[in-house]
Amino acid sequence: MTRNVTGPPVIGDDLYGRHQEVDQLWAVLERMEDLLMLAPRRVGKTSLMRELHRDPRANWDVVYVDVEDARGAAGLFARVMAELAQHGRYRNWLGSGQLPHALRSGWASLKRAKVLGVELERALRSDWVPAADHLERRLERLPDGRRLLVIIDELPILISRMLDSEDGRKDASVLLAKLRHWRQTPSLRGKVQTLIGGSTGLKGCSAACACRPPSMI
């Protein structure tokens, strides 16, 4: 039975009348295009993103992270890695190879995604770039036959907050360059795609979209 839900995101049977939009999103992703979803609050962006996460298409794995309250780039990458670590097929894969120093202690105590994300965010705060580079190297070697969708919700809010300080502006530039590289590098094409969501009217939006924006929905 469909419920009338006002306010929080809805998924599954409660996402009434939006299945055509979900199909449209998957159609774009199947063409190996990335997505940028910008719209005012309360129009259903997060509900659509969470539905992609809840019910992936065949051969797809989906991780969803909300970075509205993240503390810089370290928070974003920590949350992505924490979510990946909860997938049975990704945990050992992500933790293999030479782990950067900042990742080692957190990786030894894998628990729930939320707990791991907090621990990793704290560990990476002063040196997040090696961890981001490690993640990219592992993404280039995804398990055979799998495609990964990384959904980053409220990225413009995070970027907007980072732009308020000199160090944050430097990190924002590096962060956006790395996300751009995910979209452009041939070694990730057909393996990893991103869906970036956020509310319009934020100064971070222009920065977040400056690096050859993906398809807009």
N, C-alpha and C. Protein backbone atom coordinates (compact mmCIF):
# COMPACT_ATOMS: atom_id res chain seq x y z
N MET A 1 0.84 -1.20 0.00
CA MET A 1 0.00 0.00 0.00
C MET A 1 0.87 1.25 0.00
N THR A 2 0.60 2.16 -0.91
CA THR A 2 1.35 3.41 -1.01
C THR A 2 0.96 4.35 0.11
N ARG A 3 1.97 4.91 0.78
CA ARG A 3 1.71 5.88 1.84
C ARG A 3 1.95 7.30 1.31
N ASN A 4 1.22 8.24 1.85
CA ASN A 4 1.44 9.65 1.52
C ASN A 4 2.48 10.20 2.50
N VAL A 5 3.73 10.35 2.02
CA VAL A 5 4.83 10.77 2.87
C VAL A 5 5.22 12.20 2.50
N THR A 6 5.25 13.06 3.47
CA THR A 6 5.62 14.46 3.25
C THR A 6 6.88 14.78 4.02
N GLY A 7 7.89 15.29 3.33
CA GLY A 7 9.12 15.71 4.02
C GLY A 7 10.30 14.81 3.71
N PRO A 8 10.42 13.65 4.40
CA PRO A 8 11.60 12.81 4.21
C PRO A 8 11.56 12.10 2.87
N PRO A 9 12.71 11.61 2.38
CA PRO A 9 12.75 10.87 1.13
C PRO A 9 11.88 9.62 1.21
N VAL A 10 11.35 9.20 0.07
CA VAL A 10 10.55 7.98 -0.01
C VAL A 10 11.15 7.06 -1.06
N ILE A 11 10.95 5.74 -0.87
CA ILE A 11 11.47 4.75 -1.80
C ILE A 11 10.45 3.64 -1.96
N GLY A 12 10.73 2.73 -2.90
CA GLY A 12 9.88 1.57 -3.09
C GLY A 12 8.47 1.94 -3.49
N ASP A 13 7.48 1.24 -2.90
CA ASP A 13 6.08 1.47 -3.26
C ASP A 13 5.61 2.88 -2.94
N ASP A 14 6.28 3.54 -1.99
CA ASP A 14 5.88 4.91 -1.63
C ASP A 14 6.30 5.94 -2.67
N LEU A 15 7.20 5.55 -3.57
CA LEU A 15 7.66 6.48 -4.62
C LEU A 15 6.67 6.44 -5.78
N TYR A 16 5.50 6.91 -5.52
CA TYR A 16 4.41 6.78 -6.49
C TYR A 16 4.56 7.79 -7.63
N GLY A 17 4.39 7.30 -8.87
CA GLY A 17 4.38 8.17 -10.03
C GLY A 17 5.74 8.64 -10.50
N ARG A 18 6.83 8.09 -9.94
CA ARG A 18 8.16 8.55 -10.33
C ARG A 18 8.98 7.47 -11.05
N HIS A 19 8.34 6.34 -11.36
CA HIS A 19 9.10 5.23 -11.93
C HIS A 19 9.60 5.53 -13.34
N GLN A 20 8.89 6.37 -14.07
CA GLN A 20 9.37 6.76 -15.38
C GLN A 20 10.67 7.54 -15.28
N GLU A 21 10.77 8.37 -14.25
CA GLU A 21 12.00 9.13 -14.03
C GLU A 21 13.14 8.21 -13.62
N VAL A 22 12.85 7.19 -12.80
CA VAL A 22 13.88 6.22 -12.43
C VAL A 22 14.38 5.50 -13.68
N ASP A 23 13.45 5.09 -14.54
CA ASP A 23 13.85 4.42 -15.79
C ASP A 23 14.70 5.34 -16.65
N GLN A 24 14.37 6.63 -16.68
CA GLN A 24 15.13 7.59 -17.47
C GLN A 24 16.56 7.71 -16.94
N LEU A 25 16.70 7.74 -15.61
CA LEU A 25 18.03 7.81 -15.02
C LEU A 25 18.87 6.59 -15.39
N TRP A 26 18.27 5.41 -15.27
CA TRP A 26 19.02 4.20 -15.63
C TRP A 26 19.37 4.17 -17.11
N ALA A 27 18.49 4.69 -17.97
CA ALA A 27 18.78 4.72 -19.40
C ALA A 27 20.02 5.56 -19.69
N VAL A 28 20.14 6.71 -19.01
CA VAL A 28 21.32 7.56 -19.19
C VAL A 28 22.56 6.84 -18.68
N LEU A 29 22.46 6.20 -17.53
CA LEU A 29 23.60 5.50 -16.96
C LEU A 29 24.04 4.34 -17.83
N GLU A 30 23.10 3.63 -18.42
CA GLU A 30 23.45 2.51 -19.30
C GLU A 30 24.23 2.98 -20.52
N ARG A 31 24.07 4.25 -20.89
CA ARG A 31 24.85 4.81 -22.00
C ARG A 31 26.23 5.27 -21.55
N MET A 32 26.60 4.91 -20.33
CA MET A 32 27.91 5.25 -19.76
C MET A 32 28.08 6.75 -19.59
N GLU A 33 26.99 7.45 -19.27
CA GLU A 33 27.05 8.87 -18.99
C GLU A 33 26.90 9.10 -17.49
N ASP A 34 27.57 10.13 -16.99
CA ASP A 34 27.41 10.52 -15.60
C ASP A 34 26.24 11.49 -15.50
N LEU A 35 25.78 11.71 -14.28
CA LEU A 35 24.58 12.53 -14.09
C LEU A 35 24.82 13.64 -13.07
N LEU A 36 24.21 14.78 -13.36
CA LEU A 36 24.19 15.91 -12.43
C LEU A 36 22.73 16.27 -12.19
N MET A 37 22.26 16.15 -10.96
CA MET A 37 20.86 16.39 -10.63
C MET A 37 20.77 17.59 -9.69
N LEU A 38 20.45 18.74 -10.24
CA LEU A 38 20.33 19.97 -9.47
C LEU A 38 18.89 20.46 -9.52
N ALA A 39 18.34 20.74 -8.36
CA ALA A 39 16.96 21.24 -8.29
C ALA A 39 16.74 21.82 -6.89
N PRO A 40 15.71 22.65 -6.72
CA PRO A 40 15.41 23.17 -5.38
C PRO A 40 15.09 22.03 -4.42
N ARG A 41 15.13 22.34 -3.15
CA ARG A 41 14.79 21.34 -2.14
C ARG A 41 13.32 20.92 -2.25
N ARG A 42 13.06 19.69 -1.79
CA ARG A 42 11.71 19.15 -1.65
C ARG A 42 11.05 18.81 -2.98
N VAL A 43 11.84 18.60 -4.04
CA VAL A 43 11.22 18.17 -5.30
C VAL A 43 11.41 16.68 -5.55
N GLY A 44 12.16 16.00 -4.68
CA GLY A 44 12.27 14.55 -4.79
C GLY A 44 13.60 14.03 -5.31
N LYS A 45 14.64 14.86 -5.33
CA LYS A 45 15.95 14.39 -5.82
C LYS A 45 16.46 13.21 -5.01
N THR A 46 16.45 13.38 -3.68
CA THR A 46 17.01 12.33 -2.83
C THR A 46 16.18 11.06 -2.91
N SER A 47 14.88 11.18 -3.05
CA SER A 47 14.04 9.99 -3.19
C SER A 47 14.43 9.20 -4.43
N LEU A 48 14.66 9.88 -5.54
CA LEU A 48 15.07 9.20 -6.76
C LEU A 48 16.45 8.56 -6.59
N MET A 49 17.38 9.27 -5.97
CA MET A 49 18.72 8.72 -5.78
C MET A 49 18.69 7.50 -4.87
N ARG A 50 17.89 7.58 -3.81
CA ARG A 50 17.81 6.44 -2.90
C ARG A 50 17.11 5.24 -3.54
N GLU A 51 16.23 5.50 -4.47
CA GLU A 51 15.59 4.39 -5.18
C GLU A 51 16.59 3.68 -6.09
N LEU A 52 17.47 4.42 -6.73
CA LEU A 52 18.54 3.79 -7.51
C LEU A 52 19.41 2.92 -6.61
N HIS A 53 19.66 3.40 -5.41
CA HIS A 53 20.48 2.67 -4.45
C HIS A 53 19.74 1.43 -3.94
N ARG A 54 18.46 1.54 -3.70
CA ARG A 54 17.67 0.43 -3.16
C ARG A 54 17.50 -0.71 -4.15
N ASP A 55 17.33 -0.36 -5.41
CA ASP A 55 16.97 -1.38 -6.41
C ASP A 55 17.85 -1.24 -7.65
N PRO A 56 19.12 -1.64 -7.57
CA PRO A 56 20.02 -1.50 -8.73
C PRO A 56 19.60 -2.41 -9.89
N ARG A 57 19.95 -2.02 -11.09
CA ARG A 57 19.73 -2.88 -12.25
C ARG A 57 20.78 -3.99 -12.28
N ALA A 58 20.56 -4.95 -13.13
CA ALA A 58 21.44 -6.11 -13.22
C ALA A 58 22.88 -5.67 -13.49
N ASN A 59 23.82 -6.29 -12.78
CA ASN A 59 25.27 -6.05 -12.92
C ASN A 59 25.71 -4.70 -12.38
N TRP A 60 24.83 -3.99 -11.72
CA TRP A 60 25.18 -2.70 -11.13
C TRP A 60 25.27 -2.83 -9.60
N ASP A 61 26.24 -2.14 -9.03
CA ASP A 61 26.30 -1.92 -7.59
C ASP A 61 26.21 -0.41 -7.37
N VAL A 62 25.52 0.00 -6.32
CA VAL A 62 25.29 1.42 -6.08
C VAL A 62 25.66 1.76 -4.64
N VAL A 63 26.45 2.81 -4.46
CA VAL A 63 26.69 3.35 -3.13
C VAL A 63 26.15 4.78 -3.11
N TYR A 64 25.52 5.11 -1.99
CA TYR A 64 24.93 6.44 -1.81
C TYR A 64 25.55 7.09 -0.59
N VAL A 65 26.04 8.31 -0.75
CA VAL A 65 26.56 9.06 0.40
C VAL A 65 25.97 10.46 0.38
N ASP A 66 25.60 10.94 1.54
CA ASP A 66 25.13 12.31 1.73
C ASP A 66 26.25 13.08 2.42
N VAL A 67 26.77 14.11 1.76
CA VAL A 67 27.93 14.83 2.30
C VAL A 67 27.57 16.22 2.80
N GLU A 68 26.28 16.44 3.07
CA GLU A 68 25.86 17.76 3.54
C GLU A 68 26.59 18.17 4.81
N ASP A 69 26.85 17.22 5.71
CA ASP A 69 27.51 17.55 6.97
C ASP A 69 28.95 17.06 7.01
N ALA A 70 29.51 16.67 5.86
CA ALA A 70 30.89 16.18 5.84
C ALA A 70 31.87 17.31 6.12
N ARG A 71 33.01 16.94 6.70
CA ARG A 71 34.04 17.93 6.99
C ARG A 71 35.13 17.85 5.92
N GLY A 72 34.86 18.42 4.80
CA GLY A 72 35.86 18.50 3.75
C GLY A 72 35.93 17.26 2.89
N ALA A 73 36.96 17.24 2.03
CA ALA A 73 37.14 16.14 1.09
C ALA A 73 37.36 14.82 1.80
N ALA A 74 38.02 14.85 2.96
CA ALA A 74 38.25 13.62 3.72
C ALA A 74 36.93 12.94 4.04
N GLY A 75 35.92 13.72 4.39
CA GLY A 75 34.63 13.16 4.72
C GLY A 75 33.98 12.49 3.54
N LEU A 76 34.10 13.10 2.37
CA LEU A 76 33.50 12.50 1.17
C LEU A 76 34.13 11.15 0.87
N PHE A 77 35.46 11.10 0.78
CA PHE A 77 36.11 9.84 0.41
C PHE A 77 35.97 8.79 1.50
N ALA A 78 35.97 9.22 2.76
CA ALA A 78 35.77 8.26 3.85
C ALA A 78 34.40 7.61 3.75
N ARG A 79 33.39 8.39 3.42
CA ARG A 79 32.04 7.84 3.34
C ARG A 79 31.87 6.91 2.15
N VAL A 80 32.48 7.27 1.03
CA VAL A 80 32.41 6.38 -0.14
C VAL A 80 33.08 5.05 0.18
N MET A 81 34.26 5.09 0.78
CA MET A 81 34.97 3.85 1.09
C MET A 81 34.25 3.04 2.14
N ALA A 82 33.65 3.70 3.13
CA ALA A 82 32.90 2.99 4.16
C ALA A 82 31.71 2.25 3.56
N GLU A 83 31.01 2.91 2.64
CA GLU A 83 29.87 2.26 2.01
C GLU A 83 30.31 1.09 1.13
N LEU A 84 31.38 1.28 0.38
CA LEU A 84 31.90 0.18 -0.44
C LEU A 84 32.30 -1.02 0.41
N ALA A 85 32.86 -0.74 1.57
CA ALA A 85 33.34 -1.82 2.44
C ALA A 85 32.20 -2.69 2.95
N GLN A 86 30.96 -2.20 2.88
CA GLN A 86 29.82 -3.01 3.35
C GLN A 86 29.32 -3.98 2.29
N HIS A 87 29.79 -3.83 1.04
CA HIS A 87 29.45 -4.79 -0.01
C HIS A 87 30.40 -5.98 0.12
N GLY A 88 29.84 -7.17 0.19
CA GLY A 88 30.66 -8.35 0.36
C GLY A 88 31.74 -8.50 -0.70
N ARG A 89 31.42 -8.14 -1.93
CA ARG A 89 32.39 -8.34 -3.01
C ARG A 89 33.46 -7.24 -3.04
N TYR A 90 33.26 -6.15 -2.27
CA TYR A 90 34.20 -5.04 -2.34
C TYR A 90 35.10 -4.91 -1.12
N ARG A 91 34.74 -5.49 -0.02
CA ARG A 91 35.49 -5.25 1.21
C ARG A 91 36.96 -5.66 1.09
N ASN A 92 37.22 -6.92 0.72
CA ASN A 92 38.61 -7.37 0.59
C ASN A 92 39.30 -6.70 -0.59
N TRP A 93 38.53 -6.48 -1.65
CA TRP A 93 39.09 -5.84 -2.85
C TRP A 93 39.59 -4.43 -2.53
N LEU A 94 38.81 -3.69 -1.76
CA LEU A 94 39.17 -2.31 -1.45
C LEU A 94 40.34 -2.25 -0.47
N GLY A 95 40.42 -3.24 0.42
CA GLY A 95 41.48 -3.23 1.41
C GLY A 95 42.76 -3.91 0.98
N SER A 96 42.83 -4.36 -0.28
CA SER A 96 44.04 -5.04 -0.75
C SER A 96 45.04 -4.03 -1.28
N GLY A 97 46.26 -4.52 -1.53
CA GLY A 97 47.32 -3.63 -2.01
C GLY A 97 47.96 -2.89 -0.85
N GLN A 98 48.79 -1.93 -1.18
CA GLN A 98 49.50 -1.15 -0.17
C GLN A 98 48.61 -0.01 0.31
N LEU A 99 48.03 -0.19 1.49
CA LEU A 99 47.13 0.85 2.01
C LEU A 99 47.93 2.06 2.47
N PRO A 100 47.45 3.26 2.17
CA PRO A 100 48.08 4.46 2.74
C PRO A 100 48.03 4.40 4.26
N HIS A 101 48.99 5.03 4.89
CA HIS A 101 49.12 4.96 6.34
C HIS A 101 47.82 5.36 7.04
N ALA A 102 47.17 6.40 6.57
CA ALA A 102 45.97 6.90 7.24
C ALA A 102 44.82 5.91 7.20
N LEU A 103 44.85 4.97 6.26
CA LEU A 103 43.76 4.01 6.13
C LEU A 103 43.95 2.77 6.99
N ARG A 104 45.18 2.47 7.36
CA ARG A 104 45.46 1.16 7.97
C ARG A 104 44.74 0.94 9.27
N SER A 105 44.78 1.89 10.18
CA SER A 105 44.17 1.69 11.50
C SER A 105 42.66 1.55 11.39
N GLY A 106 42.04 2.39 10.58
CA GLY A 106 40.59 2.33 10.43
C GLY A 106 40.14 1.04 9.77
N TRP A 107 40.92 0.56 8.81
CA TRP A 107 40.52 -0.63 8.07
C TRP A 107 40.57 -1.89 8.94
N ALA A 108 41.40 -1.87 9.95
CA ALA A 108 41.53 -3.04 10.82
C ALA A 108 40.32 -3.21 11.72
N SER A 109 39.48 -2.22 11.82
CA SER A 109 38.34 -2.29 12.74
C SER A 109 37.03 -2.04 12.01
N LEU A 110 36.85 -2.73 10.87
CA LEU A 110 35.63 -2.57 10.10
C LEU A 110 34.40 -2.97 10.92
N LYS A 111 33.42 -2.05 10.97
CA LYS A 111 32.16 -2.35 11.65
C LYS A 111 31.04 -1.88 10.74
N ARG A 112 30.09 -1.18 11.29
CA ARG A 112 29.02 -0.66 10.47
C ARG A 112 29.54 0.49 9.62
N ALA A 113 28.85 0.72 8.49
CA ALA A 113 29.31 1.76 7.56
C ALA A 113 29.43 3.11 8.25
N LYS A 114 28.45 3.47 9.10
CA LYS A 114 28.47 4.78 9.73
C LYS A 114 29.67 4.90 10.68
N VAL A 115 29.93 3.84 11.45
CA VAL A 115 31.05 3.87 12.38
C VAL A 115 32.36 3.95 11.63
N LEU A 116 32.50 3.12 10.60
CA LEU A 116 33.73 3.13 9.82
C LEU A 116 33.94 4.48 9.17
N GLY A 117 32.86 5.09 8.64
CA GLY A 117 32.99 6.39 8.01
C GLY A 117 33.52 7.44 8.95
N VAL A 118 33.03 7.44 10.19
CA VAL A 118 33.50 8.40 11.18
C VAL A 118 34.98 8.18 11.48
N GLU A 119 35.38 6.92 11.64
CA GLU A 119 36.78 6.62 11.95
C GLU A 119 37.69 7.01 10.79
N LEU A 120 37.28 6.69 9.58
CA LEU A 120 38.11 7.02 8.42
C LEU A 120 38.19 8.52 8.21
N GLU A 121 37.08 9.21 8.40
CA GLU A 121 37.08 10.67 8.23
C GLU A 121 38.07 11.31 9.19
N ARG A 122 38.09 10.83 10.41
CA ARG A 122 39.04 11.37 11.39
C ARG A 122 40.47 11.05 10.98
N ALA A 123 40.70 9.83 10.49
CA ALA A 123 42.06 9.42 10.13
C ALA A 123 42.58 10.15 8.89
N LEU A 124 41.66 10.46 7.96
CA LEU A 124 42.08 11.04 6.69
C LEU A 124 42.13 12.56 6.70
N ARG A 125 41.66 13.17 7.76
CA ARG A 125 41.44 14.62 7.76
C ARG A 125 42.68 15.41 7.37
N SER A 126 43.85 14.97 7.81
CA SER A 126 45.06 15.73 7.52
C SER A 126 45.79 15.23 6.28
N ASP A 127 45.34 14.11 5.70
CA ASP A 127 46.09 13.54 4.56
C ASP A 127 45.17 12.65 3.74
N TRP A 128 44.18 13.27 3.10
CA TRP A 128 43.16 12.51 2.39
C TRP A 128 43.54 12.14 0.97
N VAL A 129 44.49 12.86 0.36
CA VAL A 129 44.82 12.63 -1.05
C VAL A 129 45.34 11.22 -1.32
N PRO A 130 46.27 10.68 -0.51
CA PRO A 130 46.72 9.30 -0.77
C PRO A 130 45.57 8.29 -0.71
N ALA A 131 44.63 8.49 0.20
CA ALA A 131 43.49 7.58 0.29
C ALA A 131 42.62 7.69 -0.96
N ALA A 132 42.42 8.91 -1.45
CA ALA A 132 41.64 9.10 -2.68
C ALA A 132 42.34 8.45 -3.86
N ASP A 133 43.65 8.56 -3.92
CA ASP A 133 44.41 7.93 -5.00
C ASP A 133 44.31 6.40 -4.91
N HIS A 134 44.36 5.86 -3.68
CA HIS A 134 44.22 4.42 -3.50
C HIS A 134 42.85 3.95 -3.99
N LEU A 135 41.82 4.70 -3.64
CA LEU A 135 40.47 4.34 -4.08
C LEU A 135 40.40 4.32 -5.60
N GLU A 136 40.97 5.31 -6.26
CA GLU A 136 40.92 5.34 -7.72
C GLU A 136 41.65 4.15 -8.32
N ARG A 137 42.80 3.79 -7.76
CA ARG A 137 43.54 2.62 -8.27
C ARG A 137 42.71 1.35 -8.13
N ARG A 138 41.99 1.23 -7.03
CA ARG A 138 41.16 0.05 -6.84
C ARG A 138 39.95 0.08 -7.78
N LEU A 139 39.39 1.26 -8.02
CA LEU A 139 38.26 1.37 -8.94
C LEU A 139 38.63 0.93 -10.35
N GLU A 140 39.88 1.14 -10.72
CA GLU A 140 40.33 0.71 -12.05
C GLU A 140 40.34 -0.81 -12.17
N ARG A 141 40.24 -1.51 -11.04
CA ARG A 141 40.29 -2.97 -11.02
C ARG A 141 39.02 -3.55 -10.39
N LEU A 142 37.91 -3.02 -10.80
CA LEU A 142 36.64 -3.52 -10.28
C LEU A 142 36.47 -5.00 -10.60
N PRO A 143 35.73 -5.73 -9.74
CA PRO A 143 35.44 -7.13 -10.04
C PRO A 143 34.83 -7.27 -11.43
N ASP A 144 35.21 -8.32 -12.13
CA ASP A 144 34.76 -8.52 -13.51
C ASP A 144 33.23 -8.52 -13.61
N GLY A 145 32.76 -7.85 -14.64
CA GLY A 145 31.34 -7.86 -14.94
C GLY A 145 30.50 -6.92 -14.11
N ARG A 146 31.10 -6.13 -13.23
CA ARG A 146 30.34 -5.22 -12.38
C ARG A 146 30.49 -3.78 -12.85
N ARG A 147 29.44 -3.00 -12.68
CA ARG A 147 29.49 -1.56 -12.90
C ARG A 147 29.07 -0.89 -11.60
N LEU A 148 29.76 0.18 -11.27
CA LEU A 148 29.56 0.84 -9.98
C LEU A 148 29.04 2.25 -10.20
N LEU A 149 27.94 2.58 -9.50
CA LEU A 149 27.41 3.93 -9.50
C LEU A 149 27.67 4.53 -8.12
N VAL A 150 28.37 5.66 -8.10
CA VAL A 150 28.64 6.38 -6.86
C VAL A 150 27.75 7.62 -6.84
N ILE A 151 26.81 7.65 -5.92
CA ILE A 151 25.88 8.78 -5.77
C ILE A 151 26.38 9.67 -4.64
N ILE A 152 26.61 10.93 -4.95
CA ILE A 152 27.09 11.91 -3.97
C ILE A 152 26.03 12.99 -3.84
N ASP A 153 25.29 12.94 -2.75
CA ASP A 153 24.18 13.88 -2.54
C ASP A 153 24.67 15.10 -1.77
N GLU A 154 24.19 16.27 -2.17
CA GLU A 154 24.50 17.56 -1.54
C GLU A 154 25.98 17.94 -1.64
N LEU A 155 26.61 17.56 -2.74
CA LEU A 155 27.99 18.00 -2.95
C LEU A 155 28.12 19.52 -2.99
N PRO A 156 27.20 20.26 -3.63
CA PRO A 156 27.36 21.71 -3.65
C PRO A 156 27.42 22.33 -2.25
N ILE A 157 26.68 21.78 -1.29
CA ILE A 157 26.74 22.32 0.07
C ILE A 157 28.14 22.12 0.65
N LEU A 158 28.70 20.93 0.44
CA LEU A 158 30.06 20.67 0.93
C LEU A 158 31.05 21.63 0.28
N ILE A 159 30.98 21.77 -1.04
CA ILE A 159 31.92 22.66 -1.74
C ILE A 159 31.75 24.09 -1.26
N SER A 160 30.51 24.52 -1.08
CA SER A 160 30.25 25.88 -0.61
C SER A 160 30.92 26.13 0.73
N ARG A 161 30.83 25.16 1.62
CA ARG A 161 31.45 25.30 2.94
C ARG A 161 32.98 25.31 2.82
N MET A 162 33.53 24.50 1.95
CA MET A 162 34.98 24.44 1.78
C MET A 162 35.53 25.75 1.22
N LEU A 163 34.75 26.44 0.42
CA LEU A 163 35.21 27.68 -0.21
C LEU A 163 35.32 28.84 0.77
N ASP A 164 34.88 28.62 2.00
CA ASP A 164 34.92 29.69 2.99
C ASP A 164 36.29 29.88 3.65
N SER A 165 37.23 29.00 3.37
CA SER A 165 38.58 29.15 3.94
C SER A 165 39.62 28.89 2.86
N GLU A 166 40.82 29.42 3.08
CA GLU A 166 41.88 29.27 2.07
C GLU A 166 42.26 27.81 1.89
N ASP A 167 42.46 27.10 2.99
CA ASP A 167 42.80 25.67 2.88
C ASP A 167 41.66 24.89 2.24
N GLY A 168 40.44 25.26 2.59
CA GLY A 168 39.28 24.58 2.02
C GLY A 168 39.19 24.80 0.53
N ARG A 169 39.52 26.01 0.06
CA ARG A 169 39.48 26.28 -1.37
C ARG A 169 40.50 25.42 -2.12
N LYS A 170 41.67 25.24 -1.53
CA LYS A 170 42.68 24.39 -2.17
C LYS A 170 42.19 22.94 -2.26
N ASP A 171 41.64 22.45 -1.14
CA ASP A 171 41.13 21.09 -1.14
C ASP A 171 39.96 20.92 -2.10
N ALA A 172 39.10 21.93 -2.19
CA ALA A 172 37.96 21.85 -3.11
C ALA A 172 38.42 21.72 -4.55
N SER A 173 39.47 22.45 -4.89
CA SER A 173 40.00 22.37 -6.25
C SER A 173 40.52 20.97 -6.56
N VAL A 174 41.25 20.39 -5.60
CA VAL A 174 41.78 19.04 -5.80
C VAL A 174 40.64 18.02 -5.84
N LEU A 175 39.68 18.16 -4.96
CA LEU A 175 38.54 17.24 -4.92
C LEU A 175 37.79 17.24 -6.25
N LEU A 176 37.48 18.42 -6.76
CA LEU A 176 36.73 18.50 -8.01
C LEU A 176 37.55 17.95 -9.18
N ALA A 177 38.86 18.15 -9.14
CA ALA A 177 39.71 17.59 -10.19
C ALA A 177 39.67 16.07 -10.16
N LYS A 178 39.65 15.49 -8.97
CA LYS A 178 39.62 14.03 -8.85
C LYS A 178 38.29 13.48 -9.34
N LEU A 179 37.19 14.13 -9.01
CA LEU A 179 35.90 13.68 -9.50
C LEU A 179 35.82 13.83 -11.03
N ARG A 180 36.40 14.88 -11.55
CA ARG A 180 36.45 15.05 -13.01
C ARG A 180 37.25 13.92 -13.64
N HIS A 181 38.37 13.53 -12.99
CA HIS A 181 39.20 12.46 -13.52
C HIS A 181 38.44 11.14 -13.55
N TRP A 182 37.60 10.91 -12.54
CA TRP A 182 36.76 9.70 -12.56
C TRP A 182 35.90 9.67 -13.81
N ARG A 183 35.40 10.83 -14.22
CA ARG A 183 34.51 10.88 -15.38
C ARG A 183 35.27 10.78 -16.70
N GLN A 184 36.53 11.18 -16.71
CA GLN A 184 37.24 11.32 -17.97
C GLN A 184 38.26 10.23 -18.26
N THR A 185 38.79 9.57 -17.22
CA THR A 185 39.87 8.62 -17.46
C THR A 185 39.35 7.37 -18.18
N PRO A 186 40.00 6.94 -19.25
CA PRO A 186 39.54 5.76 -20.01
C PRO A 186 39.50 4.49 -19.17
N SER A 187 40.40 4.37 -18.18
CA SER A 187 40.46 3.14 -17.39
C SER A 187 39.23 2.93 -16.52
N LEU A 188 38.44 3.98 -16.30
CA LEU A 188 37.23 3.86 -15.50
C LEU A 188 35.95 3.85 -16.35
N ARG A 189 36.08 4.11 -17.62
CA ARG A 189 34.90 4.19 -18.47
C ARG A 189 34.23 2.82 -18.56
N GLY A 190 32.94 2.82 -18.38
CA GLY A 190 32.20 1.57 -18.40
C GLY A 190 32.28 0.79 -17.09
N LYS A 191 33.03 1.31 -16.12
CA LYS A 191 33.16 0.66 -14.82
C LYS A 191 32.55 1.50 -13.70
N VAL A 192 32.89 2.79 -13.69
CA VAL A 192 32.47 3.66 -12.60
C VAL A 192 31.77 4.89 -13.17
N GLN A 193 30.62 5.20 -12.62
CA GLN A 193 29.92 6.41 -12.99
C GLN A 193 29.45 7.13 -11.73
N THR A 194 29.24 8.43 -11.86
CA THR A 194 28.83 9.23 -10.71
C THR A 194 27.50 9.91 -10.99
N LEU A 195 26.74 10.07 -9.93
CA LEU A 195 25.55 10.89 -9.95
C LEU A 195 25.72 11.89 -8.81
N ILE A 196 25.81 13.16 -9.17
CA ILE A 196 25.99 14.22 -8.18
C ILE A 196 24.69 14.99 -8.06
N GLY A 197 24.21 15.12 -6.83
CA GLY A 197 22.96 15.82 -6.60
C GLY A 197 23.15 16.99 -5.66
N GLY A 198 22.26 17.97 -5.78
CA GLY A 198 22.34 19.12 -4.89
C GLY A 198 21.25 20.13 -5.18
N SER A 199 21.08 21.03 -4.25
CA SER A 199 20.09 22.09 -4.39
C SER A 199 20.68 23.25 -5.17
N THR A 200 19.87 23.94 -5.93
CA THR A 200 20.32 25.09 -6.69
C THR A 200 20.44 26.30 -5.78
N GLY A 201 21.07 27.35 -6.30
CA GLY A 201 21.16 28.59 -5.56
C GLY A 201 22.29 28.63 -4.55
N LEU A 202 23.24 27.69 -4.64
CA LEU A 202 24.38 27.67 -3.74
C LEU A 202 25.63 28.04 -4.51
N LYS A 203 26.52 28.78 -3.87
CA LYS A 203 27.73 29.20 -4.57
C LYS A 203 28.60 28.01 -4.94
N GLY A 204 28.43 26.89 -4.23
CA GLY A 204 29.21 25.72 -4.55
C GLY A 204 28.79 25.07 -5.84
N CYS A 205 27.57 25.33 -6.31
CA CYS A 205 27.11 24.68 -7.53
C CYS A 205 27.98 25.03 -8.72
N SER A 206 28.33 26.31 -8.87
CA SER A 206 29.13 26.71 -10.01
C SER A 206 30.49 26.07 -9.99
N ALA A 207 31.06 25.93 -8.78
CA ALA A 207 32.35 25.26 -8.68
C ALA A 207 32.23 23.78 -8.93
N ALA A 208 31.17 23.17 -8.40
CA ALA A 208 31.01 21.74 -8.56
C ALA A 208 30.77 21.33 -10.01
N CYS A 209 30.21 22.25 -10.79
CA CYS A 209 29.88 21.92 -12.17
C CYS A 209 30.92 22.42 -13.15
N ALA A 210 31.97 23.05 -12.66
CA ALA A 210 32.92 23.70 -13.55
C ALA A 210 33.77 22.73 -14.34
N CYS A 211 33.92 21.50 -13.83
CA CYS A 211 34.82 20.54 -14.46
C CYS A 211 34.03 19.66 -15.45
N ARG A 212 33.79 20.15 -16.62
CA ARG A 212 33.04 19.43 -17.65
C ARG A 212 31.86 18.68 -17.05
N PRO A 213 30.76 19.35 -16.81
CA PRO A 213 29.65 18.73 -16.11
C PRO A 213 29.10 17.53 -16.87
N PRO A 214 28.62 16.52 -16.13
CA PRO A 214 27.98 15.37 -16.76
C PRO A 214 26.58 15.74 -17.21
N SER A 215 25.85 14.75 -17.74
CA SER A 215 24.50 14.99 -18.20
C SER A 215 23.64 15.51 -17.07
N MET A 216 22.75 16.44 -17.38
CA MET A 216 21.88 17.01 -16.36
C MET A 216 20.47 16.47 -16.52
N ILE A 217 19.85 16.16 -15.39
CA ILE A 217 18.48 15.68 -15.37
C ILE A 217 17.64 16.68 -14.58
